[in-house]
């Protein structure tokens, strides 16, 4: 009884077989089938390698939401060199809340030489080349995000030559913490002093002929300092054509959360537009000579996440490639054989012309002769 049930179960499983086996004696091979099979195998191998490449690669996903954090401080990272002596210039921040943040709270004034050494000029040239490529190909920003903390430092390398030239410029570098509201970071003549209605700079003691706001922005960023991230103003250099010249940078800061397989950080991206003009009160161009960076905080926050293809999705795509190639080549091969058989059959029928066969009674027959095995010898 048990053996009978087992036999019924086995027969039932055979009935459910979706892959019937054809005896090898009924399988016919051909040169055309072998050619199509070789092409199919090569195509499958090529597409499989490409699919592996896609599987190992990652991409950046961007999500947007309202920034609800309005109580924390915003960090500004600054490294700017101005072509004036340190005792002649002052830097500070004044925001819309009339809050003044002096440079003494985190900035360092360092006397340096404005002209770069050969190694530093090569660094600046490469940084400017990267900036030009980033403006043309925005997808390179994803590569920079994924390579953060892994690439070389983007800071200006120290001088390698022992120049005996006396310092003629001032490097202002460090960081400041400001309120998360719109503000104005500026560098102008004279040190900043508090004032009941804002602030003022002691510019009266500085000779007008010593004004020179030619400057180089080695680094400017907002938020957490992340090595390897290149910001829009890094490597910027401006040469003043007049003593009374104003340089303005209008910056829109976007809070950004960066999550990759290497790091997780809170930083800020920003876009910038530039403007420069000569101050000439007689011509109606009013203002104050200096470098002004007016920034505004966006109300939207961007979350950038590095994603990877799931393994199950990779298997589904791989099975689709293998099955699809086999099915498609099988259909094309069958259709090709069908067309070839029709063409060759017509060719063979056209090769046999009607012939007259004499009969014993003197009549003739125009029927095609019967081809037998003996007629072929």
Foldseek 3Di string as FASTA:
>chain_A
DVVVVVVVVVVVVVVVDPDDDDDPVPDDDDPLVVVLVVVLVVQLVVVLVVLVVQQVDWFKDKDKDFDPDQFFWKKKWFKKKFQAAPQWKFKWKAFPVLDIGGLVVWKDKDFDAPDADPVLVVLLVVLVVVLVVCVVDVRVQRVLLQCWPPDDFLARDDHPDDDPDGGRMIIIGTMDIHGQFWMKIWMATAYWDDDPRHIDGPNPVDDLVRQWGWMFTQDIFMFDDIGSRRANRHSDTDGDPDSQKEKEKEKEKAWEWRAEPVDTGTTIHIDIDIDMDGDDVVVPRDDGGTYMYIYGYDRMHMYMYMDGDDPVVSVVVSVCSSVVSVVVSVVVSVVVVVVVVVVVVVVVVVVQAFDWDADPVGHTDRDGDDDDPVVVD
